[in-house]
């Protein structure tokens, strides 16, 4: 009797934990310019008081989640290693300490169920920030939690 109960318990447990028909998402989402005019791109220059137009295409094999846009000072010329491009240095602001740097950090939701999405924004550049080198960064997360990062070097005059 105990053997019959043990087999029944094991079979019930196996059926309850059986394999899902859906495959687990094991791939990173993609940030690209495919099908759109990607913006910004490395080494573009913008003016204080103007807008920074943003346009990127996002894709994922299963489902997209959300994204974050960040802009921060690169007056110290650090790297995020997502771009091989090195912009010509601005010798007027070379390694200058930032007094009033621009810091922008905003999260955005992507509607549920999408595997492709185009992010477009016009971000106001404050007129009172320090001119110089900045990093524009996009972090894209899919519904499973995988994240991709794209960092672009830009200059603000």
Protein backbone atom coordinates (compact mmCIF):
# COMPACT_ATOMS: atom_id res chain seq x y z
CA UNK A 1 0.00 0.00 0.00
CA UNK A 2 2.84 2.42 0.91
CA UNK A 3 4.57 1.68 -2.40
CA UNK A 4 1.38 2.48 -4.34
CA UNK A 5 0.92 5.77 -2.43
CA UNK A 6 4.59 6.71 -2.99
CA UNK A 7 4.34 6.09 -6.74
CA UNK A 8 1.11 8.11 -6.90
CA UNK A 9 2.74 11.01 -5.02
CA UNK A 10 5.79 10.96 -7.31
CA UNK A 11 3.65 10.84 -10.48
CA UNK A 12 1.45 13.69 -9.23
CA UNK A 13 4.53 15.79 -8.45
CA UNK A 14 6.05 15.09 -11.87
CA UNK A 15 2.83 16.01 -13.65
CA UNK A 16 2.47 19.20 -11.61
CA UNK A 17 6.06 20.22 -12.42
CA UNK A 18 5.99 18.93 -15.98
CA UNK A 19 7.73 20.74 -18.77
CA UNK A 20 6.13 23.88 -20.15
CA UNK A 21 5.39 24.05 -23.83
CA UNK A 22 6.75 27.59 -23.93
CA UNK A 23 10.49 28.07 -24.15
CA UNK A 24 12.18 30.26 -21.56
CA UNK A 25 13.46 33.58 -22.87
CA UNK A 26 17.25 33.35 -22.80
CA UNK A 27 18.18 36.16 -25.22
CA UNK A 28 18.91 39.83 -24.80
CA UNK A 29 16.62 42.43 -26.38
CA UNK A 30 18.07 44.46 -29.26
CA UNK A 31 18.53 48.24 -29.54
CA UNK A 32 19.09 49.31 -33.14
CA UNK A 33 18.48 51.86 -35.84
CA UNK A 34 16.96 49.27 -38.16
CA UNK A 35 14.01 50.78 -40.03
CA UNK A 36 14.38 54.18 -38.34
CA UNK A 37 16.79 57.09 -38.39
CA UNK A 38 18.70 56.29 -35.21
CA UNK A 39 19.35 59.30 -33.01
CA UNK A 40 21.53 60.30 -31.30
CA UNK A 41 24.66 58.76 -32.77
CA UNK A 42 28.25 59.14 -31.61
CA UNK A 43 29.88 62.57 -31.78
CA UNK A 44 26.76 64.62 -32.54
CA UNK A 45 26.71 68.14 -31.12
CA UNK A 46 23.65 69.80 -29.60
CA UNK A 47 23.08 73.26 -28.16
CA UNK A 48 21.94 74.18 -24.67
CA UNK A 49 18.28 75.23 -24.73
CA UNK A 50 17.48 73.06 -27.78
CA UNK A 51 15.96 69.58 -27.87
CA UNK A 52 17.68 66.24 -28.18
CA UNK A 53 15.66 64.12 -30.62
CA UNK A 54 15.64 60.41 -29.72
CA UNK A 55 14.76 57.52 -32.02
CA UNK A 56 15.66 53.85 -31.55
CA UNK A 57 14.09 50.57 -32.62
CA UNK A 58 13.69 47.87 -29.96
CA UNK A 59 13.09 44.18 -30.63
CA UNK A 60 12.92 40.98 -28.61
CA UNK A 61 12.22 37.38 -29.58
CA UNK A 62 9.58 36.96 -26.85
CA UNK A 63 8.34 40.23 -25.30
CA UNK A 64 9.74 43.67 -24.55
CA UNK A 65 9.50 45.13 -21.05
CA UNK A 66 10.61 48.74 -20.51
CA UNK A 67 13.48 51.13 -21.18
CA UNK A 68 15.43 53.88 -19.51
CA UNK A 69 17.10 56.93 -21.02
CA UNK A 70 19.96 58.55 -19.15
CA UNK A 71 22.19 61.51 -19.98
CA UNK A 72 25.15 62.31 -17.78
CA UNK A 73 28.37 64.27 -17.87
CA UNK A 74 31.46 62.77 -19.45
CA UNK A 75 33.76 65.62 -18.45
CA UNK A 76 36.12 63.02 -16.95
CA UNK A 77 36.14 61.03 -20.25
CA UNK A 78 35.09 57.68 -18.79
CA UNK A 79 33.82 54.85 -20.99
CA UNK A 80 30.85 52.50 -21.05
CA UNK A 81 32.45 50.21 -23.66
CA UNK A 82 29.40 49.92 -25.90
CA UNK A 83 30.83 51.98 -28.73
CA UNK A 84 34.16 51.70 -30.48
CA UNK A 85 33.94 55.31 -31.65
CA UNK A 86 36.18 57.89 -30.02
CA UNK A 87 35.10 61.46 -30.67
CA UNK A 88 37.61 64.22 -31.20
CA UNK A 89 38.24 65.84 -27.83
CA UNK A 90 36.98 69.32 -27.12
CA UNK A 91 40.17 70.95 -25.86
CA UNK A 92 38.24 73.91 -24.43
CA UNK A 93 36.54 71.54 -21.96
CA UNK A 94 39.12 68.77 -21.77
CA UNK A 95 38.88 67.05 -18.36
CA UNK A 96 37.27 70.14 -16.84
CA UNK A 97 35.39 69.60 -13.61
CA UNK A 98 31.67 69.86 -14.12
CA UNK A 99 30.05 72.60 -12.03
CA UNK A 100 26.47 72.28 -13.32
CA UNK A 101 26.33 69.08 -15.39
CA UNK A 102 23.15 67.83 -17.06
CA UNK A 103 21.70 64.74 -15.45
CA UNK A 104 18.63 63.19 -17.08
CA UNK A 105 17.23 59.81 -16.03
CA UNK A 106 13.76 58.64 -17.08
CA UNK A 107 12.03 55.24 -17.22
CA UNK A 108 9.49 54.46 -19.96
CA UNK A 109 6.97 51.61 -20.22
CA UNK A 110 6.46 49.60 -23.40
CA UNK A 111 2.90 48.33 -23.94
CA UNK A 112 2.52 44.67 -22.93
CA UNK A 113 2.80 41.93 -25.53
CA UNK A 114 5.03 43.76 -28.02
CA UNK A 115 8.11 42.22 -29.62
CA UNK A 116 8.98 45.39 -31.58
CA UNK A 117 8.70 49.03 -30.54
CA UNK A 118 10.07 52.36 -31.75
CA UNK A 119 11.01 54.83 -29.03
CA UNK A 120 10.81 58.48 -30.07
CA UNK A 121 11.21 61.48 -27.77
CA UNK A 122 12.26 65.10 -27.80
CA UNK A 123 14.19 65.78 -24.63
CA UNK A 124 14.68 69.43 -23.66
CA UNK A 125 18.33 70.31 -23.05
CA UNK A 126 18.55 72.78 -20.14
CA UNK A 127 20.07 76.13 -21.11
CA UNK A 128 22.04 76.52 -17.86
CA UNK A 129 24.12 73.30 -17.92
CA UNK A 130 27.86 72.99 -18.41
CA UNK A 131 28.87 72.62 -22.05
CA UNK A 132 31.10 69.69 -22.89
CA UNK A 133 31.06 65.95 -23.38
CA UNK A 134 28.10 63.82 -22.27
CA UNK A 135 26.94 60.23 -22.51
CA UNK A 136 23.49 59.40 -23.81
CA UNK A 137 22.47 55.91 -22.67
CA UNK A 138 19.55 53.61 -23.41
CA UNK A 139 18.89 50.54 -21.27
CA UNK A 140 16.32 48.14 -22.72
CA UNK A 141 14.88 45.34 -20.59
CA UNK A 142 12.72 42.53 -21.91
CA UNK A 143 9.83 40.99 -19.95
CA UNK A 144 12.10 38.15 -18.71
CA UNK A 145 14.60 40.67 -17.25
CA UNK A 146 17.42 40.51 -19.84
CA UNK A 147 18.93 43.94 -20.43
CA UNK A 148 20.85 45.57 -23.29
CA UNK A 149 22.74 48.85 -23.08
CA UNK A 150 23.69 51.36 -25.76
CA UNK A 151 25.91 54.32 -24.82
CA UNK A 152 26.54 57.18 -27.23
CA UNK A 153 29.06 60.01 -26.82
CA UNK A 154 27.54 63.44 -27.55
CA UNK A 155 28.64 67.02 -27.04
CA UNK A 156 26.62 69.96 -25.69
CA UNK A 157 27.67 73.49 -26.66
